[in-house]
Amino acid sequence: MDMVHGDVAGDGSLLTQPLVLIVEDDQSTRMLYKEYLTDSGFRTIEAHNGFQAFEKAQTHHPDAVLTDLAVPGMDGFEFCRALRASASTKDVPIVAITGYPDYLTNPERIRQAGITRVMTKPCNLENIVRELRRLLNGQATT
């Protein structure tokens, strides 16, 4: 079973914090996001490619997704379309991050993928947290 980072046994208080699925193929970047989000009061689970991410989304039902658009296997656009096509994840907010500004030149592709918000790399980590909190309507309290 996958470990959800930030889970706490016992009083369960941290279990009420939103769960964010982080999808990033670069391990150091994925760990940076994980640490910052966990320190900011989110629970996290990670995936390194689109196929793994979709499987984890179906298993763990995240409250939000933070995904790179250039991931191996099923790319970020395909992954986002798959999330929108699934009844259990169709309404999950998706923050997509990309280092390829060319991706932003086609807003229709972004809309068709069901992406809620796109941010360009390098991203200020606090801006990512702020956007996730905004999309989750203040559910993250820290």
N, C-alpha and C. Protein backbone atom coordinates (compact mmCIF):
# COMPACT_ATOMS: atom_id res chain seq x y z
N MET A 1 0.84 -1.19 0.00
CA MET A 1 0.00 0.00 0.00
C MET A 1 0.88 1.25 0.00
N ASP A 2 0.47 2.26 -0.75
CA ASP A 2 1.21 3.51 -0.82
C ASP A 2 1.09 4.28 0.48
N MET A 3 2.18 4.93 0.84
CA MET A 3 2.14 5.79 2.01
C MET A 3 1.66 7.17 1.60
N VAL A 4 0.72 7.70 2.34
CA VAL A 4 0.28 9.07 2.13
C VAL A 4 1.06 9.90 3.12
N HIS A 5 1.87 10.82 2.61
CA HIS A 5 2.73 11.64 3.46
C HIS A 5 1.89 12.66 4.20
N GLY A 6 2.07 12.67 5.52
CA GLY A 6 1.33 13.59 6.35
C GLY A 6 0.25 12.90 7.17
N ASP A 7 -0.06 11.63 6.87
CA ASP A 7 -1.04 10.91 7.68
C ASP A 7 -0.53 10.78 9.11
N VAL A 8 -1.44 10.83 10.06
CA VAL A 8 -1.07 10.70 11.46
C VAL A 8 -1.99 9.68 12.10
N ALA A 9 -1.41 8.71 12.76
CA ALA A 9 -2.20 7.76 13.52
C ALA A 9 -2.54 8.39 14.86
N GLY A 10 -3.52 7.86 15.54
CA GLY A 10 -3.86 8.42 16.84
C GLY A 10 -5.05 9.33 16.75
N ASP A 11 -4.86 10.62 17.05
CA ASP A 11 -6.00 11.54 17.07
C ASP A 11 -6.54 11.84 15.68
N GLY A 12 -5.76 11.57 14.62
CA GLY A 12 -6.24 11.72 13.25
C GLY A 12 -6.42 13.15 12.79
N SER A 13 -5.94 14.12 13.54
CA SER A 13 -6.19 15.51 13.17
C SER A 13 -5.63 15.86 11.80
N LEU A 14 -4.47 15.36 11.45
CA LEU A 14 -3.88 15.68 10.15
C LEU A 14 -4.62 15.01 9.01
N LEU A 15 -5.35 13.94 9.29
CA LEU A 15 -6.08 13.23 8.25
C LEU A 15 -7.17 14.10 7.63
N THR A 16 -7.56 15.18 8.30
CA THR A 16 -8.57 16.06 7.74
C THR A 16 -7.98 17.05 6.74
N GLN A 17 -6.65 17.12 6.66
CA GLN A 17 -6.00 18.03 5.72
C GLN A 17 -6.15 17.49 4.31
N PRO A 18 -6.27 18.39 3.33
CA PRO A 18 -6.45 17.96 1.94
C PRO A 18 -5.30 17.10 1.43
N LEU A 19 -5.65 16.13 0.60
CA LEU A 19 -4.67 15.24 -0.01
C LEU A 19 -4.38 15.73 -1.43
N VAL A 20 -3.09 15.96 -1.72
CA VAL A 20 -2.66 16.42 -3.04
C VAL A 20 -1.82 15.32 -3.69
N LEU A 21 -2.20 14.94 -4.90
CA LEU A 21 -1.41 14.01 -5.71
C LEU A 21 -0.42 14.84 -6.50
N ILE A 22 0.87 14.57 -6.29
CA ILE A 22 1.95 15.27 -6.98
C ILE A 22 2.46 14.36 -8.10
N VAL A 23 2.42 14.85 -9.33
CA VAL A 23 2.86 14.07 -10.48
C VAL A 23 4.04 14.81 -11.12
N GLU A 24 5.22 14.23 -10.97
CA GLU A 24 6.45 14.86 -11.45
C GLU A 24 7.47 13.77 -11.68
N ASP A 25 8.07 13.74 -12.87
CA ASP A 25 9.04 12.68 -13.17
C ASP A 25 10.41 12.95 -12.58
N ASP A 26 10.74 14.21 -12.31
CA ASP A 26 12.03 14.53 -11.71
C ASP A 26 11.93 14.33 -10.19
N GLN A 27 12.69 13.37 -9.67
CA GLN A 27 12.57 12.99 -8.27
C GLN A 27 12.87 14.14 -7.32
N SER A 28 13.92 14.92 -7.59
CA SER A 28 14.27 16.00 -6.68
C SER A 28 13.18 17.08 -6.65
N THR A 29 12.59 17.37 -7.79
CA THR A 29 11.50 18.35 -7.84
C THR A 29 10.27 17.80 -7.12
N ARG A 30 9.97 16.52 -7.34
CA ARG A 30 8.83 15.88 -6.67
C ARG A 30 9.00 15.93 -5.16
N MET A 31 10.21 15.64 -4.67
CA MET A 31 10.46 15.67 -3.23
C MET A 31 10.38 17.09 -2.67
N LEU A 32 10.83 18.07 -3.46
CA LEU A 32 10.72 19.47 -3.04
C LEU A 32 9.25 19.86 -2.88
N TYR A 33 8.42 19.52 -3.86
CA TYR A 33 6.99 19.80 -3.76
C TYR A 33 6.39 19.09 -2.54
N LYS A 34 6.74 17.81 -2.39
CA LYS A 34 6.19 17.03 -1.28
C LYS A 34 6.53 17.67 0.06
N GLU A 35 7.79 18.01 0.26
CA GLU A 35 8.20 18.60 1.55
C GLU A 35 7.50 19.93 1.79
N TYR A 36 7.44 20.77 0.77
CA TYR A 36 6.83 22.09 0.96
C TYR A 36 5.33 21.96 1.23
N LEU A 37 4.66 21.12 0.47
CA LEU A 37 3.22 20.95 0.68
C LEU A 37 2.92 20.33 2.04
N THR A 38 3.71 19.34 2.43
CA THR A 38 3.52 18.71 3.74
C THR A 38 3.75 19.73 4.86
N ASP A 39 4.82 20.52 4.73
CA ASP A 39 5.09 21.57 5.72
C ASP A 39 4.00 22.63 5.74
N SER A 40 3.26 22.77 4.63
CA SER A 40 2.19 23.77 4.53
C SER A 40 0.83 23.21 4.94
N GLY A 41 0.81 21.98 5.45
CA GLY A 41 -0.42 21.43 6.00
C GLY A 41 -1.21 20.52 5.08
N PHE A 42 -0.62 20.09 3.97
CA PHE A 42 -1.29 19.16 3.07
C PHE A 42 -0.76 17.75 3.30
N ARG A 43 -1.59 16.76 3.02
CA ARG A 43 -1.11 15.39 2.89
C ARG A 43 -0.76 15.21 1.42
N THR A 44 0.21 14.38 1.12
CA THR A 44 0.63 14.19 -0.27
C THR A 44 0.82 12.73 -0.60
N ILE A 45 0.70 12.46 -1.87
CA ILE A 45 1.08 11.18 -2.45
C ILE A 45 1.69 11.51 -3.80
N GLU A 46 2.70 10.75 -4.21
CA GLU A 46 3.41 11.10 -5.44
C GLU A 46 3.32 10.00 -6.50
N ALA A 47 3.52 10.46 -7.73
CA ALA A 47 3.63 9.55 -8.87
C ALA A 47 4.67 10.14 -9.81
N HIS A 48 5.38 9.25 -10.53
CA HIS A 48 6.43 9.73 -11.42
C HIS A 48 6.04 9.69 -12.90
N ASN A 49 4.88 9.11 -13.22
CA ASN A 49 4.40 9.12 -14.60
C ASN A 49 2.88 9.15 -14.62
N GLY A 50 2.32 9.40 -15.80
CA GLY A 50 0.88 9.53 -15.91
C GLY A 50 0.10 8.28 -15.58
N PHE A 51 0.60 7.11 -15.98
CA PHE A 51 -0.10 5.86 -15.68
C PHE A 51 -0.18 5.61 -14.18
N GLN A 52 0.96 5.76 -13.50
CA GLN A 52 1.01 5.58 -12.05
C GLN A 52 0.10 6.62 -11.37
N ALA A 53 0.13 7.85 -11.87
CA ALA A 53 -0.69 8.92 -11.29
C ALA A 53 -2.17 8.60 -11.40
N PHE A 54 -2.61 8.12 -12.55
CA PHE A 54 -4.02 7.81 -12.73
C PHE A 54 -4.45 6.69 -11.77
N GLU A 55 -3.60 5.67 -11.67
CA GLU A 55 -3.90 4.56 -10.75
C GLU A 55 -4.01 5.06 -9.31
N LYS A 56 -3.08 5.91 -8.89
CA LYS A 56 -3.11 6.44 -7.52
C LYS A 56 -4.30 7.36 -7.30
N ALA A 57 -4.69 8.10 -8.31
CA ALA A 57 -5.86 8.97 -8.18
C ALA A 57 -7.12 8.14 -7.96
N GLN A 58 -7.22 7.02 -8.65
CA GLN A 58 -8.40 6.16 -8.50
C GLN A 58 -8.41 5.46 -7.14
N THR A 59 -7.24 5.17 -6.61
CA THR A 59 -7.13 4.48 -5.33
C THR A 59 -7.29 5.42 -4.14
N HIS A 60 -6.68 6.60 -4.22
CA HIS A 60 -6.59 7.50 -3.06
C HIS A 60 -7.55 8.68 -3.09
N HIS A 61 -8.19 8.95 -4.22
CA HIS A 61 -9.17 10.04 -4.35
C HIS A 61 -8.64 11.36 -3.78
N PRO A 62 -7.62 11.94 -4.41
CA PRO A 62 -7.04 13.19 -3.90
C PRO A 62 -8.04 14.34 -3.96
N ASP A 63 -7.81 15.33 -3.11
CA ASP A 63 -8.63 16.54 -3.13
C ASP A 63 -8.18 17.49 -4.23
N ALA A 64 -6.91 17.38 -4.63
CA ALA A 64 -6.35 18.21 -5.71
C ALA A 64 -5.18 17.47 -6.33
N VAL A 65 -4.83 17.88 -7.54
CA VAL A 65 -3.70 17.30 -8.26
C VAL A 65 -2.76 18.43 -8.68
N LEU A 66 -1.47 18.20 -8.45
CA LEU A 66 -0.41 19.08 -8.92
C LEU A 66 0.41 18.25 -9.90
N THR A 67 0.36 18.59 -11.19
CA THR A 67 1.03 17.75 -12.18
C THR A 67 1.88 18.53 -13.15
N ASP A 68 3.03 17.97 -13.45
CA ASP A 68 3.83 18.45 -14.56
C ASP A 68 3.11 17.99 -15.83
N LEU A 69 3.21 18.73 -16.91
CA LEU A 69 2.58 18.31 -18.15
C LEU A 69 3.48 17.42 -18.98
N ALA A 70 4.78 17.44 -18.74
CA ALA A 70 5.72 16.63 -19.49
C ALA A 70 6.20 15.48 -18.61
N VAL A 71 5.35 14.48 -18.47
CA VAL A 71 5.72 13.29 -17.71
C VAL A 71 5.69 12.09 -18.65
N PRO A 72 6.48 11.05 -18.34
CA PRO A 72 6.55 9.90 -19.25
C PRO A 72 5.28 9.06 -19.23
N GLY A 73 5.19 8.20 -20.24
CA GLY A 73 4.02 7.32 -20.34
C GLY A 73 2.84 8.11 -20.84
N MET A 74 1.82 8.18 -20.05
CA MET A 74 0.65 9.01 -20.34
C MET A 74 1.05 10.44 -19.97
N ASP A 75 1.15 11.34 -20.95
CA ASP A 75 1.61 12.69 -20.62
C ASP A 75 0.57 13.43 -19.77
N GLY A 76 0.93 14.61 -19.30
CA GLY A 76 0.06 15.35 -18.40
C GLY A 76 -1.30 15.67 -18.98
N PHE A 77 -1.36 15.98 -20.28
CA PHE A 77 -2.64 16.27 -20.91
C PHE A 77 -3.53 15.03 -20.94
N GLU A 78 -2.96 13.89 -21.33
CA GLU A 78 -3.72 12.63 -21.35
C GLU A 78 -4.19 12.27 -19.94
N PHE A 79 -3.29 12.43 -18.96
CA PHE A 79 -3.61 12.14 -17.57
C PHE A 79 -4.79 12.98 -17.11
N CYS A 80 -4.75 14.28 -17.41
CA CYS A 80 -5.83 15.17 -16.98
C CYS A 80 -7.15 14.79 -17.66
N ARG A 81 -7.11 14.46 -18.96
CA ARG A 81 -8.33 14.02 -19.64
C ARG A 81 -8.88 12.73 -19.02
N ALA A 82 -7.98 11.82 -18.63
CA ALA A 82 -8.41 10.57 -17.99
C ALA A 82 -9.07 10.87 -16.63
N LEU A 83 -8.51 11.81 -15.88
CA LEU A 83 -9.12 12.19 -14.60
C LEU A 83 -10.53 12.71 -14.82
N ARG A 84 -10.70 13.57 -15.82
CA ARG A 84 -12.01 14.17 -16.09
C ARG A 84 -13.01 13.14 -16.57
N ALA A 85 -12.53 12.07 -17.21
CA ALA A 85 -13.42 11.03 -17.73
C ALA A 85 -13.86 10.04 -16.65
N SER A 86 -13.19 10.05 -15.50
CA SER A 86 -13.50 9.12 -14.43
C SER A 86 -14.48 9.75 -13.43
N ALA A 87 -15.53 9.05 -13.11
CA ALA A 87 -16.55 9.58 -12.19
C ALA A 87 -15.96 9.97 -10.84
N SER A 88 -14.96 9.24 -10.36
CA SER A 88 -14.43 9.51 -9.02
C SER A 88 -13.47 10.70 -8.98
N THR A 89 -12.99 11.16 -10.13
CA THR A 89 -12.02 12.26 -10.13
C THR A 89 -12.42 13.41 -11.06
N LYS A 90 -13.61 13.37 -11.61
CA LYS A 90 -14.00 14.35 -12.63
C LYS A 90 -14.02 15.79 -12.12
N ASP A 91 -14.19 15.99 -10.82
CA ASP A 91 -14.29 17.34 -10.26
C ASP A 91 -13.06 17.78 -9.47
N VAL A 92 -12.01 16.97 -9.47
CA VAL A 92 -10.81 17.29 -8.70
C VAL A 92 -10.07 18.46 -9.37
N PRO A 93 -9.75 19.53 -8.61
CA PRO A 93 -8.98 20.63 -9.20
C PRO A 93 -7.60 20.16 -9.63
N ILE A 94 -7.17 20.62 -10.81
CA ILE A 94 -5.87 20.24 -11.36
C ILE A 94 -5.04 21.49 -11.59
N VAL A 95 -3.90 21.56 -10.91
CA VAL A 95 -2.92 22.61 -11.16
C VAL A 95 -1.81 21.96 -11.97
N ALA A 96 -1.64 22.43 -13.19
CA ALA A 96 -0.60 21.90 -14.07
C ALA A 96 0.58 22.86 -14.09
N ILE A 97 1.76 22.27 -14.08
CA ILE A 97 3.00 23.04 -14.10
C ILE A 97 3.79 22.62 -15.32
N THR A 98 4.34 23.60 -16.02
CA THR A 98 5.12 23.26 -17.19
C THR A 98 6.32 24.18 -17.35
N GLY A 99 7.38 23.62 -17.86
CA GLY A 99 8.56 24.39 -18.21
C GLY A 99 8.58 24.71 -19.69
N TYR A 100 7.52 24.33 -20.40
CA TYR A 100 7.42 24.54 -21.84
C TYR A 100 6.38 25.61 -22.14
N PRO A 101 6.80 26.85 -22.32
CA PRO A 101 5.85 27.93 -22.59
C PRO A 101 4.99 27.68 -23.84
N ASP A 102 5.48 26.86 -24.78
CA ASP A 102 4.69 26.55 -25.97
C ASP A 102 3.36 25.89 -25.61
N TYR A 103 3.32 25.17 -24.49
CA TYR A 103 2.08 24.53 -24.06
C TYR A 103 0.99 25.56 -23.79
N LEU A 104 1.39 26.77 -23.42
CA LEU A 104 0.43 27.80 -23.06
C LEU A 104 -0.16 28.52 -24.27
N THR A 105 0.40 28.26 -25.44
CA THR A 105 -0.08 28.95 -26.64
C THR A 105 -1.35 28.34 -27.19
N ASN A 106 -1.79 27.22 -26.63
CA ASN A 106 -3.00 26.57 -27.10
C ASN A 106 -3.99 26.43 -25.94
N PRO A 107 -4.72 27.50 -25.62
CA PRO A 107 -5.66 27.44 -24.50
C PRO A 107 -6.75 26.39 -24.69
N GLU A 108 -7.09 26.08 -25.94
CA GLU A 108 -8.12 25.07 -26.19
C GLU A 108 -7.65 23.69 -25.74
N ARG A 109 -6.39 23.39 -25.95
CA ARG A 109 -5.83 22.10 -25.50
C ARG A 109 -5.89 22.00 -23.97
N ILE A 110 -5.59 23.09 -23.30
CA ILE A 110 -5.65 23.13 -21.84
C ILE A 110 -7.09 22.94 -21.37
N ARG A 111 -8.03 23.64 -22.01
CA ARG A 111 -9.44 23.52 -21.65
C ARG A 111 -9.95 22.10 -21.89
N GLN A 112 -9.61 21.53 -23.04
CA GLN A 112 -10.07 20.17 -23.36
C GLN A 112 -9.51 19.14 -22.39
N ALA A 113 -8.33 19.39 -21.83
CA ALA A 113 -7.75 18.47 -20.86
C ALA A 113 -8.41 18.62 -19.49
N GLY A 114 -9.18 19.68 -19.29
CA GLY A 114 -9.85 19.87 -18.01
C GLY A 114 -8.94 20.44 -16.93
N ILE A 115 -7.86 21.09 -17.34
CA ILE A 115 -6.91 21.66 -16.39
C ILE A 115 -7.51 22.92 -15.78
N THR A 116 -7.46 22.99 -14.45
CA THR A 116 -8.05 24.12 -13.74
C THR A 116 -7.17 25.35 -13.82
N ARG A 117 -5.87 25.16 -13.65
CA ARG A 117 -4.92 26.29 -13.62
C ARG A 117 -3.58 25.80 -14.14
N VAL A 118 -2.89 26.63 -14.94
CA VAL A 118 -1.55 26.30 -15.43
C VAL A 118 -0.57 27.33 -14.86
N MET A 119 0.56 26.83 -14.38
CA MET A 119 1.63 27.68 -13.87
C MET A 119 2.91 27.29 -14.62
N THR A 120 3.79 28.26 -14.84
CA THR A 120 5.03 27.96 -15.55
C THR A 120 6.19 27.82 -14.57
N LYS A 121 7.09 26.90 -14.92
CA LYS A 121 8.30 26.70 -14.13
C LYS A 121 9.31 27.77 -14.51
N PRO A 122 10.13 28.19 -13.59
CA PRO A 122 10.11 27.79 -12.18
C PRO A 122 8.96 28.48 -11.45
N CYS A 123 8.34 27.73 -10.55
CA CYS A 123 7.20 28.24 -9.79
C CYS A 123 7.63 28.56 -8.36
N ASN A 124 7.13 29.67 -7.87
CA ASN A 124 7.31 29.99 -6.47
C ASN A 124 6.44 29.02 -5.68
N LEU A 125 7.04 28.31 -4.73
CA LEU A 125 6.30 27.28 -3.99
C LEU A 125 5.12 27.87 -3.22
N GLU A 126 5.29 29.06 -2.69
CA GLU A 126 4.18 29.69 -1.96
C GLU A 126 3.01 29.98 -2.90
N ASN A 127 3.30 30.32 -4.14
CA ASN A 127 2.22 30.55 -5.11
C ASN A 127 1.46 29.26 -5.40
N ILE A 128 2.17 28.14 -5.44
CA ILE A 128 1.51 26.84 -5.64
C ILE A 128 0.58 26.56 -4.46
N VAL A 129 1.08 26.75 -3.26
CA VAL A 129 0.27 26.52 -2.05
C VAL A 129 -0.95 27.45 -2.06
N ARG A 130 -0.73 28.71 -2.37
CA ARG A 130 -1.83 29.68 -2.40
C ARG A 130 -2.90 29.26 -3.40
N GLU A 131 -2.46 28.81 -4.58
CA GLU A 131 -3.42 28.39 -5.60
C GLU A 131 -4.18 27.14 -5.17
N LEU A 132 -3.49 26.18 -4.59
CA LEU A 132 -4.17 24.97 -4.11
C LEU A 132 -5.20 25.33 -3.04
N ARG A 133 -4.84 26.18 -2.12
CA ARG A 133 -5.78 26.59 -1.07
C ARG A 133 -6.98 27.31 -1.67
N ARG A 134 -6.72 28.18 -2.65
CA ARG A 134 -7.81 28.91 -3.29
C ARG A 134 -8.77 27.93 -3.97
N LEU A 135 -8.21 26.96 -4.68
CA LEU A 135 -9.04 25.99 -5.39
C LEU A 135 -9.81 25.08 -4.44
N LEU A 136 -9.26 24.83 -3.29
CA LEU A 136 -9.90 23.97 -2.29
C LEU A 136 -10.82 24.78 -1.36
N ASN A 137 -11.03 26.05 -1.68
CA ASN A 137 -11.94 26.92 -0.93
C ASN A 137 -11.62 26.99 0.55
N GLY A 138 -10.33 27.13 0.86
CA GLY A 138 -9.93 27.32 2.24
C GLY A 138 -9.92 26.07 3.10
N GLN A 139 -10.03 24.87 2.48
CA GLN A 139 -10.00 23.65 3.29
C GLN A 139 -8.66 23.45 3.96
N ALA A 140 -7.56 23.94 3.36
CA ALA A 140 -6.24 23.84 3.98
C ALA A 140 -6.12 25.02 4.93
N THR A 141 -5.98 24.75 6.20
CA THR A 141 -6.06 25.80 7.20
C THR A 141 -4.72 26.33 7.65
N THR A 142 -3.62 25.73 7.23
CA THR A 142 -2.32 26.23 7.69
C THR A 142 -1.64 27.04 6.65
